[in-house]
Amino acid sequence: MYDDILFPTDGSDAAETALDAAIAAADAHDATLHVLYVADTNQPSLANVQGQVRDVLEGEGRDIVEEAAGKARRAGVETVDEVVQGGPSRTICDYVDDRGIDLVVMGTRGSRDIERIILGSVTERVVRNSVAPVLVVPPESDPTYPPESILVGTDGSEGSAAAVDEGVGIAAATGGALHVVSVLESNVLGIDLGSSRLAEAREQRETEALVPARERADERGVAVETVLEEGDVVDRLVEYVDDHGIGLVVVGTHGRTGLDKRILGSVTENLMRSASVPVLSVRASTE
């Protein structure tokens, strides 16, 4: 499923939780773990130490990656570690492209983020721009991998179809139970819950979202439970996570209910801010 997993780190507590998830995922998939620290060129970092000019951030980064890589190696995971200079989000995305990374694992807070901002700017930008799926790990979550239960949210869009493929692949590779849920937002769609249009909308969503998900799962020999609900998408998915002991949520970065040019669909972004478990965002193929 995954051969090369990237873990960008800044040494923060949030990154430490994400590291545990990255190590567990690399171990489960027998993947190589890439530990990366980006010495931010937008930050002043040069210092004169005993008459020699040194890059403080690079030195700090070397200590951080060596500690993280050491932890991964002690867990039996093949590991590559590197410190590079650049703008963090752009450098991470370039690393993904250059090294053929299959999965990026990141925390939701960094040491430079304002405390109440759940998605740090670097993580947010990587989710928006990475061609590889990005697993966002909340600091309070249990980073156990593989998950016993996987939830995929779908609305039948291309982004959702990519998320279904990813969720089915993870379930097939790990044996996790697969749940696929689609939520009709009647207020967004302009549908009165008591009107005949609701039945039509439910039938259409069943046909466009849930039937293809069941077919895709059947192709891979994966048992799947599909559910169609109504209400606020984020609220319903978060409740489903809590009620069914879900360990991982998989969603697309764009959905049918959002504008095509909106960088992060509000559902995906708000799930990453609200869910108590890791959220994996998947982009539709541009090919």
C-alpha atoms as a PDB file:
ATOM      1  CA  MET A   1       0.000   0.000   0.000  1.00  0.00           C
ATOM      2  CA  TYR A   2       2.743   2.467   1.001  1.00  0.00           C
ATOM      3  CA  ASP A   3       6.442   2.063   0.214  1.00  0.00           C
ATOM      4  CA  ASP A   4       7.784   5.475   1.280  1.00  0.00           C
ATOM      5  CA  ILE A   5       6.300   7.533   4.117  1.00  0.00           C
ATOM      6  CA  LEU A   6       7.376  11.106   4.884  1.00  0.00           C
ATOM      7  CA  PHE A   7       7.348  12.514   8.397  1.00  0.00           C
ATOM      8  CA  PRO A   8       8.168  16.250   8.464  1.00  0.00           C
ATOM      9  CA  THR A   9       8.959  17.403  11.987  1.00  0.00           C
ATOM     10  CA  ASP A  10       9.729  20.540  13.974  1.00  0.00           C
ATOM     11  CA  GLY A  11      10.323  18.701  17.234  1.00  0.00           C
ATOM     12  CA  SER A  12       7.072  19.881  18.848  1.00  0.00           C
ATOM     13  CA  ASP A  13       4.807  17.772  21.073  1.00  0.00           C
ATOM     14  CA  ALA A  14       2.289  17.514  18.223  1.00  0.00           C
ATOM     15  CA  ALA A  15       4.992  16.201  15.936  1.00  0.00           C
ATOM     16  CA  GLU A  16       5.915  13.581  18.547  1.00  0.00           C
ATOM     17  CA  THR A  17       2.391  12.122  18.436  1.00  0.00           C
ATOM     18  CA  ALA A  18       2.507  12.121  14.639  1.00  0.00           C
ATOM     19  CA  LEU A  19       5.878  10.356  14.759  1.00  0.00           C
ATOM     20  CA  ASP A  20       4.334   7.454  16.649  1.00  0.00           C
ATOM     21  CA  ALA A  21       1.669   7.187  13.927  1.00  0.00           C
ATOM     22  CA  ALA A  22       4.290   7.410  11.164  1.00  0.00           C
ATOM     23  CA  ILE A  23       6.421   4.666  12.727  1.00  0.00           C
ATOM     24  CA  ALA A  24       3.387   2.410  13.193  1.00  0.00           C
ATOM     25  CA  ALA A  25       2.257   2.961   9.586  1.00  0.00           C
ATOM     26  CA  ALA A  26       5.750   2.328   8.199  1.00  0.00           C
ATOM     27  CA  ASP A  27       6.023  -0.847  10.252  1.00  0.00           C
ATOM     28  CA  ALA A  28       2.582  -2.097   9.174  1.00  0.00           C
ATOM     29  CA  HIS A  29       3.301  -1.513   5.479  1.00  0.00           C
ATOM     30  CA  ASP A  30       7.007  -2.454   5.598  1.00  0.00           C
ATOM     31  CA  ALA A  31       7.748   1.029   4.253  1.00  0.00           C
ATOM     32  CA  THR A  32      10.781   3.292   4.441  1.00  0.00           C
ATOM     33  CA  LEU A  33      10.245   6.248   6.763  1.00  0.00           C
ATOM     34  CA  HIS A  34      11.713   9.580   5.672  1.00  0.00           C
ATOM     35  CA  VAL A  35      12.268  11.971   8.587  1.00  0.00           C
ATOM     36  CA  LEU A  36      12.607  15.561   7.348  1.00  0.00           C
ATOM     37  CA  TYR A  37      13.366  18.844   9.056  1.00  0.00           C
ATOM     38  CA  VAL A  38      13.104  22.031   7.014  1.00  0.00           C
ATOM     39  CA  ALA A  39      15.335  24.863   8.214  1.00  0.00           C
ATOM     40  CA  ASP A  40      12.991  27.737   7.387  1.00  0.00           C
ATOM     41  CA  THR A  41      14.839  30.269   5.234  1.00  0.00           C
ATOM     42  CA  ASN A  42      12.216  32.849   6.205  1.00  0.00           C
ATOM     43  CA  GLN A  43      13.544  32.801   9.784  1.00  0.00           C
ATOM     44  CA  PRO A  44      16.839  34.373  10.952  1.00  0.00           C
ATOM     45  CA  SER A  45      19.140  31.451  11.766  1.00  0.00           C
ATOM     46  CA  LEU A  46      22.802  32.484  11.478  1.00  0.00           C
ATOM     47  CA  ALA A  47      24.801  32.977  14.657  1.00  0.00           C
ATOM     48  CA  ASN A  48      28.450  33.632  15.497  1.00  0.00           C
ATOM     49  CA  VAL A  49      29.638  30.830  17.767  1.00  0.00           C
ATOM     50  CA  GLN A  50      33.237  31.201  18.975  1.00  0.00           C
ATOM     51  CA  GLY A  51      34.180  33.110  15.877  1.00  0.00           C
ATOM     52  CA  GLN A  52      32.426  30.716  13.448  1.00  0.00           C
ATOM     53  CA  VAL A  53      29.181  31.504  11.633  1.00  0.00           C
ATOM     54  CA  ARG A  54      26.735  28.644  12.063  1.00  0.00           C
ATOM     55  CA  ASP A  55      23.156  27.998  11.006  1.00  0.00           C
ATOM     56  CA  VAL A  56      21.350  27.488  14.292  1.00  0.00           C
ATOM     57  CA  LEU A  57      18.212  26.066  12.686  1.00  0.00           C
ATOM     58  CA  GLU A  58      20.167  23.453  10.770  1.00  0.00           C
ATOM     59  CA  GLY A  59      21.919  22.382  13.948  1.00  0.00           C
ATOM     60  CA  GLU A  60      18.623  22.232  15.808  1.00  0.00           C
ATOM     61  CA  GLY A  61      17.084  20.287  12.935  1.00  0.00           C
ATOM     62  CA  ARG A  62      19.890  17.750  12.928  1.00  0.00           C
ATOM     63  CA  ASP A  63      19.302  17.007  16.612  1.00  0.00           C
ATOM     64  CA  ILE A  64      15.547  16.667  16.022  1.00  0.00           C
ATOM     65  CA  VAL A  65      15.760  14.311  13.027  1.00  0.00           C
ATOM     66  CA  GLU A  66      18.440  12.159  14.639  1.00  0.00           C
ATOM     67  CA  GLU A  67      16.276  11.664  17.710  1.00  0.00           C
ATOM     68  CA  ALA A  68      13.164  10.860  15.636  1.00  0.00           C
ATOM     69  CA  ALA A  69      15.047   8.594  13.234  1.00  0.00           C
ATOM     70  CA  GLY A  70      16.675   6.791  16.151  1.00  0.00           C
ATOM     71  CA  LYS A  71      13.269   6.050  17.643  1.00  0.00           C
ATOM     72  CA  ALA A  72      12.067   4.658  14.290  1.00  0.00           C
ATOM     73  CA  ARG A  73      15.164   2.501  13.833  1.00  0.00           C
ATOM     74  CA  ARG A  74      14.819   1.070  17.322  1.00  0.00           C
ATOM     75  CA  ALA A  75      11.297   0.036  16.289  1.00  0.00           C
ATOM     76  CA  GLY A  76      12.800  -1.868  13.362  1.00  0.00           C
ATOM     77  CA  VAL A  77      11.744   0.615  10.658  1.00  0.00           C
ATOM     78  CA  GLU A  78      14.087   1.414   7.763  1.00  0.00           C
ATOM     79  CA  THR A  79      14.675   5.148   8.029  1.00  0.00           C
ATOM     80  CA  VAL A  80      16.169   8.014   6.029  1.00  0.00           C
ATOM     81  CA  ASP A  81      16.752  11.363   7.742  1.00  0.00           C
ATOM     82  CA  GLU A  82      17.526  14.718   6.184  1.00  0.00           C
ATOM     83  CA  VAL A  83      17.777  18.416   7.033  1.00  0.00           C
ATOM     84  CA  VAL A  84      17.201  20.849   4.171  1.00  0.00           C
ATOM     85  CA  GLN A  85      16.765  24.600   3.820  1.00  0.00           C
ATOM     86  CA  GLY A  86      13.731  26.257   2.279  1.00  0.00           C
ATOM     87  CA  GLY A  87      10.180  27.373   2.837  1.00  0.00           C
ATOM     88  CA  PRO A  88       8.620  24.534   4.882  1.00  0.00           C
ATOM     89  CA  SER A  89       5.424  23.716   2.955  1.00  0.00           C
ATOM     90  CA  ARG A  90       6.963  24.121  -0.505  1.00  0.00           C
ATOM     91  CA  THR A  91      10.041  22.108   0.469  1.00  0.00           C
ATOM     92  CA  ILE A  92       7.905  19.295   1.901  1.00  0.00           C
ATOM     93  CA  CYS A  93       5.808  19.116  -1.277  1.00  0.00           C
ATOM     94  CA  ASP A  94       8.947  19.167  -3.439  1.00  0.00           C
ATOM     95  CA  TYR A  95      10.369  16.322  -1.351  1.00  0.00           C
ATOM     96  CA  VAL A  96       7.164  14.347  -1.956  1.00  0.00           C
ATOM     97  CA  ASP A  97       7.541  14.815  -5.712  1.00  0.00           C
ATOM     98  CA  ASP A  98      11.286  14.174  -5.857  1.00  0.00           C
ATOM     99  CA  ARG A  99      11.315  11.049  -3.678  1.00  0.00           C
ATOM    100  CA  GLY A 100       8.062   9.467  -4.839  1.00  0.00           C
ATOM    101  CA  ILE A 101       6.504   9.640  -1.377  1.00  0.00           C
ATOM    102  CA  ASP A 102       3.269   7.649  -0.989  1.00  0.00           C
ATOM    103  CA  LEU A 103       2.053   9.102   2.317  1.00  0.00           C
ATOM    104  CA  VAL A 104       2.807  12.194   4.435  1.00  0.00           C
ATOM    105  CA  VAL A 105       2.205  12.076   8.196  1.00  0.00           C
ATOM    106  CA  MET A 106       1.975  15.394  10.077  1.00  0.00           C
ATOM    107  CA  GLY A 107       0.761  16.806  13.384  1.00  0.00           C
ATOM    108  CA  THR A 108      -1.953  19.443  13.602  1.00  0.00           C
ATOM    109  CA  ARG A 109       0.060  21.888  15.679  1.00  0.00           C
ATOM    110  CA  GLY A 110       3.625  23.077  15.447  1.00  0.00           C
ATOM    111  CA  SER A 111       5.871  24.932  17.843  1.00  0.00           C
ATOM    112  CA  ARG A 112       5.327  28.205  15.983  1.00  0.00           C
ATOM    113  CA  ASP A 113       1.542  28.036  15.773  1.00  0.00           C
ATOM    114  CA  ILE A 114      -0.849  30.091  17.872  1.00  0.00           C
ATOM    115  CA  GLU A 115      -2.205  27.699  20.498  1.00  0.00           C
ATOM    116  CA  ARG A 116      -5.827  27.718  19.388  1.00  0.00           C
ATOM    117  CA  ILE A 117      -5.132  27.305  15.667  1.00  0.00           C
ATOM    118  CA  ILE A 118      -5.715  23.621  15.167  1.00  0.00           C
ATOM    119  CA  LEU A 119      -4.297  23.374  11.644  1.00  0.00           C
ATOM    120  CA  GLY A 120      -0.852  24.917  11.545  1.00  0.00           C
ATOM    121  CA  SER A 121      -0.174  26.898   8.402  1.00  0.00           C
ATOM    122  CA  VAL A 122       2.496  24.445   7.214  1.00  0.00           C
ATOM    123  CA  THR A 123       0.250  21.404   7.652  1.00  0.00           C
ATOM    124  CA  GLU A 124      -2.647  23.200   5.973  1.00  0.00           C
ATOM    125  CA  ARG A 125      -0.559  24.157   2.959  1.00  0.00           C
ATOM    126  CA  VAL A 126       0.832  20.660   2.578  1.00  0.00           C
ATOM    127  CA  VAL A 127      -2.686  19.201   2.673  1.00  0.00           C
ATOM    128  CA  ARG A 128      -3.713  21.675  -0.004  1.00  0.00           C
ATOM    129  CA  ASN A 129      -0.794  21.054  -2.333  1.00  0.00           C
ATOM    130  CA  SER A 130       0.673  17.592  -1.781  1.00  0.00           C
ATOM    131  CA  VAL A 131       0.048  15.062  -4.526  1.00  0.00           C
ATOM    132  CA  ALA A 132       0.425  12.311  -1.917  1.00  0.00           C
ATOM    133  CA  PRO A 133      -2.235  11.614   0.717  1.00  0.00           C
ATOM    134  CA  VAL A 134      -1.642  13.468   3.992  1.00  0.00           C
ATOM    135  CA  LEU A 135      -2.412  11.898   7.356  1.00  0.00           C
ATOM    136  CA  VAL A 136      -3.116  14.630   9.918  1.00  0.00           C
ATOM    137  CA  VAL A 137      -2.721  13.415  13.506  1.00  0.00           C
ATOM    138  CA  PRO A 138      -4.326  15.381  16.368  1.00  0.00           C
ATOM    139  CA  PRO A 139      -2.102  15.598  19.456  1.00  0.00           C
ATOM    140  CA  GLU A 140      -4.715  14.013  21.738  1.00  0.00           C
ATOM    141  CA  SER A 141      -5.349  11.018  19.450  1.00  0.00           C
ATOM    142  CA  ASP A 142      -4.217   7.425  19.854  1.00  0.00           C
ATOM    143  CA  PRO A 143      -1.722   6.914  16.991  1.00  0.00           C
ATOM    144  CA  THR A 144      -2.355   3.152  16.840  1.00  0.00           C
ATOM    145  CA  TYR A 145      -1.920   1.760  13.326  1.00  0.00           C
ATOM    146  CA  PRO A 146      -3.345  -0.163  11.577  1.00  0.00           C
ATOM    147  CA  PRO A 147      -6.815   1.047  12.599  1.00  0.00           C
ATOM    148  CA  GLU A 148      -9.404  -1.536  13.519  1.00  0.00           C
ATOM    149  CA  SER A 149     -12.137   0.514  11.812  1.00  0.00           C
ATOM    150  CA  ILE A 150     -11.884   2.958   8.908  1.00  0.00           C
ATOM    151  CA  LEU A 151     -14.482   5.557   7.961  1.00  0.00           C
ATOM    152  CA  VAL A 152     -14.632   7.030   4.467  1.00  0.00           C
ATOM    153  CA  GLY A 153     -16.816  10.070   3.872  1.00  0.00           C
ATOM    154  CA  THR A 154     -18.151  10.381   0.328  1.00  0.00           C
ATOM    155  CA  ASP A 155     -20.482  12.537  -1.728  1.00  0.00           C
ATOM    156  CA  GLY A 156     -19.790  10.859  -5.069  1.00  0.00           C
ATOM    157  CA  SER A 157     -17.350  13.520  -6.293  1.00  0.00           C
ATOM    158  CA  GLU A 158     -13.932  12.766  -7.814  1.00  0.00           C
ATOM    159  CA  GLY A 159     -12.218  13.646  -4.559  1.00  0.00           C
ATOM    160  CA  SER A 160     -14.525  11.305  -2.679  1.00  0.00           C
ATOM    161  CA  ALA A 161     -13.926   8.521  -5.190  1.00  0.00           C
ATOM    162  CA  ALA A 162     -10.187   8.854  -4.564  1.00  0.00           C
ATOM    163  CA  ALA A 163     -10.853   8.676  -0.814  1.00  0.00           C
ATOM    164  CA  VAL A 164     -12.935   5.521  -1.287  1.00  0.00           C
ATOM    165  CA  ASP A 165     -10.106   3.901  -3.262  1.00  0.00           C
ATOM    166  CA  GLU A 166      -7.629   4.837  -0.520  1.00  0.00           C
ATOM    167  CA  GLY A 167      -9.882   3.579   2.262  1.00  0.00           C
ATOM    168  CA  VAL A 168     -10.562   0.311   0.467  1.00  0.00           C
ATOM    169  CA  GLY A 169      -6.835  -0.138  -0.128  1.00  0.00           C
ATOM    170  CA  ILE A 170      -6.010   0.409   3.543  1.00  0.00           C
ATOM    171  CA  ALA A 171      -8.756  -1.990   4.635  1.00  0.00           C
ATOM    172  CA  ALA A 172      -7.529  -4.618   2.171  1.00  0.00           C
ATOM    173  CA  ALA A 173      -3.922  -4.221   3.339  1.00  0.00           C
ATOM    174  CA  THR A 174      -4.585  -4.144   7.072  1.00  0.00           C
ATOM    175  CA  GLY A 175      -7.822  -6.066   7.599  1.00  0.00           C
ATOM    176  CA  GLY A 176      -9.576  -3.070   9.142  1.00  0.00           C
ATOM    177  CA  ALA A 177     -13.375  -2.882   9.082  1.00  0.00           C
ATOM    178  CA  LEU A 178     -14.559  -0.419   6.422  1.00  0.00           C
ATOM    179  CA  HIS A 179     -17.451   2.018   6.839  1.00  0.00           C
ATOM    180  CA  VAL A 180     -18.536   4.359   4.028  1.00  0.00           C
ATOM    181  CA  VAL A 181     -20.857   7.197   5.015  1.00  0.00           C
ATOM    182  CA  SER A 182     -22.524   9.822   2.851  1.00  0.00           C
ATOM    183  CA  VAL A 183     -24.349  12.764   4.425  1.00  0.00           C
ATOM    184  CA  LEU A 184     -27.039  14.787   2.701  1.00  0.00           C
ATOM    185  CA  GLU A 185     -26.920  18.431   3.783  1.00  0.00           C
ATOM    186  CA  SER A 186     -30.496  19.484   3.118  1.00  0.00           C
ATOM    187  CA  ASN A 187     -29.792  23.121   3.970  1.00  0.00           C
ATOM    188  CA  VAL A 188     -26.930  23.259   1.441  1.00  0.00           C
ATOM    189  CA  LEU A 189     -28.914  21.447  -1.222  1.00  0.00           C
ATOM    190  CA  GLY A 190     -32.015  23.560  -0.567  1.00  0.00           C
ATOM    191  CA  ILE A 191     -34.201  20.566   0.237  1.00  0.00           C
ATOM    192  CA  ASP A 192     -37.039  20.537   2.763  1.00  0.00           C
ATOM    193  CA  LEU A 193     -36.701  17.382   4.872  1.00  0.00           C
ATOM    194  CA  GLY A 194     -40.406  16.708   4.405  1.00  0.00           C
ATOM    195  CA  SER A 195     -40.496  17.202   0.646  1.00  0.00           C
ATOM    196  CA  SER A 196     -40.577  14.625  -2.139  1.00  0.00           C
ATOM    197  CA  ARG A 197     -37.250  16.023  -3.355  1.00  0.00           C
ATOM    198  CA  LEU A 198     -35.556  14.467  -0.342  1.00  0.00           C
ATOM    199  CA  ALA A 199     -36.401  10.952  -1.517  1.00  0.00           C
ATOM    200  CA  GLU A 200     -35.026  11.810  -4.946  1.00  0.00           C
ATOM    201  CA  ALA A 201     -31.856  13.234  -3.408  1.00  0.00           C
ATOM    202  CA  ARG A 202     -31.370  10.131  -1.272  1.00  0.00           C
ATOM    203  CA  GLU A 203     -31.801   7.865  -4.297  1.00  0.00           C
ATOM    204  CA  GLN A 204     -29.359   9.947  -6.322  1.00  0.00           C
ATOM    205  CA  ARG A 205     -26.745   9.935  -3.547  1.00  0.00           C
ATOM    206  CA  GLU A 206     -27.150   6.200  -3.114  1.00  0.00           C
ATOM    207  CA  THR A 207     -26.541   5.697  -6.836  1.00  0.00           C
ATOM    208  CA  GLU A 208     -23.664   8.151  -7.213  1.00  0.00           C
ATOM    209  CA  ALA A 209     -21.799   7.586  -3.941  1.00  0.00           C
ATOM    210  CA  LEU A 210     -22.671   4.402  -2.072  1.00  0.00           C
ATOM    211  CA  VAL A 211     -23.212   1.945  -4.922  1.00  0.00           C
ATOM    212  CA  PRO A 212     -19.781   2.697  -6.471  1.00  0.00           C
ATOM    213  CA  ALA A 213     -18.186   2.378  -3.023  1.00  0.00           C
ATOM    214  CA  ARG A 214     -19.715  -1.061  -2.502  1.00  0.00           C
ATOM    215  CA  GLU A 215     -18.608  -2.118  -5.978  1.00  0.00           C
ATOM    216  CA  ARG A 216     -15.053  -0.925  -5.362  1.00  0.00           C
ATOM    217  CA  ALA A 217     -14.889  -2.750  -2.037  1.00  0.00           C
ATOM    218  CA  ASP A 218     -16.291  -5.926  -3.599  1.00  0.00           C
ATOM    219  CA  GLU A 219     -13.585  -5.806  -6.274  1.00  0.00           C
ATOM    220  CA  ARG A 220     -10.935  -5.904  -3.527  1.00  0.00           C
ATOM    221  CA  GLY A 221     -12.717  -8.507  -1.429  1.00  0.00           C
ATOM    222  CA  VAL A 222     -13.381  -6.014   1.379  1.00  0.00           C
ATOM    223  CA  ALA A 223     -16.563  -6.141   3.450  1.00  0.00           C
ATOM    224  CA  VAL A 224     -18.096  -2.683   3.791  1.00  0.00           C
ATOM    225  CA  GLU A 225     -20.953  -1.087   5.691  1.00  0.00           C
ATOM    226  CA  THR A 226     -22.542   1.836   3.849  1.00  0.00           C
ATOM    227  CA  VAL A 227     -24.728   4.443   5.506  1.00  0.00           C
ATOM    228  CA  LEU A 228     -26.688   7.410   4.186  1.00  0.00           C
ATOM    229  CA  GLU A 229     -27.429  10.135   6.729  1.00  0.00           C
ATOM    230  CA  GLU A 230     -28.852  13.653   6.782  1.00  0.00           C
ATOM    231  CA  GLY A 231     -27.694  16.802   8.561  1.00  0.00           C
ATOM    232  CA  ASP A 232     -24.421  18.648   8.948  1.00  0.00           C
ATOM    233  CA  VAL A 233     -21.633  16.624   7.313  1.00  0.00           C
ATOM    234  CA  VAL A 234     -18.961  17.271   9.929  1.00  0.00           C
ATOM    235  CA  ASP A 235     -21.320  16.731  12.882  1.00  0.00           C
ATOM    236  CA  ARG A 236     -22.630  13.458  11.482  1.00  0.00           C
ATOM    237  CA  LEU A 237     -19.172  12.097  10.636  1.00  0.00           C
ATOM    238  CA  VAL A 238     -17.726  13.066  14.020  1.00  0.00           C
ATOM    239  CA  GLU A 239     -20.677  11.403  15.765  1.00  0.00           C
ATOM    240  CA  TYR A 240     -20.188   8.292  13.633  1.00  0.00           C
ATOM    241  CA  VAL A 241     -16.522   8.171  14.642  1.00  0.00           C
ATOM    242  CA  ASP A 242     -17.442   8.305  18.325  1.00  0.00           C
ATOM    243  CA  ASP A 243     -20.359   5.865  18.090  1.00  0.00           C
ATOM    244  CA  HIS A 244     -18.522   3.192  16.093  1.00  0.00           C
ATOM    245  CA  GLY A 245     -14.995   3.331  17.515  1.00  0.00           C
ATOM    246  CA  ILE A 246     -13.482   4.530  14.258  1.00  0.00           C
ATOM    247  CA  GLY A 247      -9.677   4.815  14.281  1.00  0.00           C
ATOM    248  CA  LEU A 248      -9.105   6.574  10.960  1.00  0.00           C
ATOM    249  CA  VAL A 249     -11.166   8.920   8.771  1.00  0.00           C
ATOM    250  CA  VAL A 250     -10.464   9.158   5.034  1.00  0.00           C
ATOM    251  CA  VAL A 251     -11.840  12.073   3.006  1.00  0.00           C
ATOM    252  CA  GLY A 252     -11.211  13.833  -0.288  1.00  0.00           C
ATOM    253  CA  THR A 253      -9.886  17.372  -0.369  1.00  0.00           C
ATOM    254  CA  HIS A 254     -12.677  18.549  -2.660  1.00  0.00           C
ATOM    255  CA  GLY A 255     -16.347  17.654  -2.553  1.00  0.00           C
ATOM    256  CA  ARG A 256     -19.498  18.133  -4.547  1.00  0.00           C
ATOM    257  CA  THR A 257     -20.939  20.612  -2.041  1.00  0.00           C
ATOM    258  CA  GLY A 258     -17.998  23.020  -2.250  1.00  0.00           C
ATOM    259  CA  LEU A 259     -16.808  25.346  -4.967  1.00  0.00           C
ATOM    260  CA  ASP A 260     -14.326  23.600  -7.269  1.00  0.00           C
ATOM    261  CA  LYS A 261     -11.715  26.311  -6.734  1.00  0.00           C
ATOM    262  CA  ARG A 262     -11.965  26.293  -2.951  1.00  0.00           C
ATOM    263  CA  ILE A 263      -8.538  25.094  -1.805  1.00  0.00           C
ATOM    264  CA  LEU A 264      -9.680  22.929   1.068  1.00  0.00           C
ATOM    265  CA  GLY A 265     -13.285  21.832   1.130  1.00  0.00           C
ATOM    266  CA  SER A 266     -14.843  23.050   4.343  1.00  0.00           C
ATOM    267  CA  VAL A 267     -15.790  19.489   5.275  1.00  0.00           C
ATOM    268  CA  THR A 268     -12.215  18.226   5.075  1.00  0.00           C
ATOM    269  CA  GLU A 269     -10.770  21.213   6.901  1.00  0.00           C
ATOM    270  CA  ASN A 270     -13.370  21.154   9.669  1.00  0.00           C
ATOM    271  CA  LEU A 271     -13.007  17.409  10.130  1.00  0.00           C
ATOM    272  CA  MET A 272      -9.295  17.883  10.717  1.00  0.00           C
ATOM    273  CA  ARG A 273     -10.142  20.492  13.326  1.00  0.00           C
ATOM    274  CA  SER A 274     -12.923  18.488  15.004  1.00  0.00           C
ATOM    275  CA  ALA A 275     -12.123  14.791  14.806  1.00  0.00           C
ATOM    276  CA  SER A 276     -10.418  13.088  17.746  1.00  0.00           C
ATOM    277  CA  VAL A 277      -8.762  10.557  15.427  1.00  0.00           C
ATOM    278  CA  PRO A 278      -6.295  10.913  12.537  1.00  0.00           C
ATOM    279  CA  VAL A 279      -7.778  12.195   9.272  1.00  0.00           C
ATOM    280  CA  LEU A 280      -6.322  11.158   5.917  1.00  0.00           C
ATOM    281  CA  SER A 281      -6.926  13.602   3.064  1.00  0.00           C
ATOM    282  CA  VAL A 282      -6.733  12.354  -0.514  1.00  0.00           C
ATOM    283  CA  ARG A 283      -6.689  14.381  -3.705  1.00  0.00           C
ATOM    284  CA  ALA A 284      -8.310  13.233  -6.928  1.00  0.00           C
ATOM    285  CA  SER A 285      -5.820  12.266  -9.626  1.00  0.00           C
ATOM    286  CA  THR A 286      -4.990  15.085 -12.032  1.00  0.00           C
ATOM    287  CA  GLU A 287      -4.046  12.670 -14.802  1.00  0.00           C
END
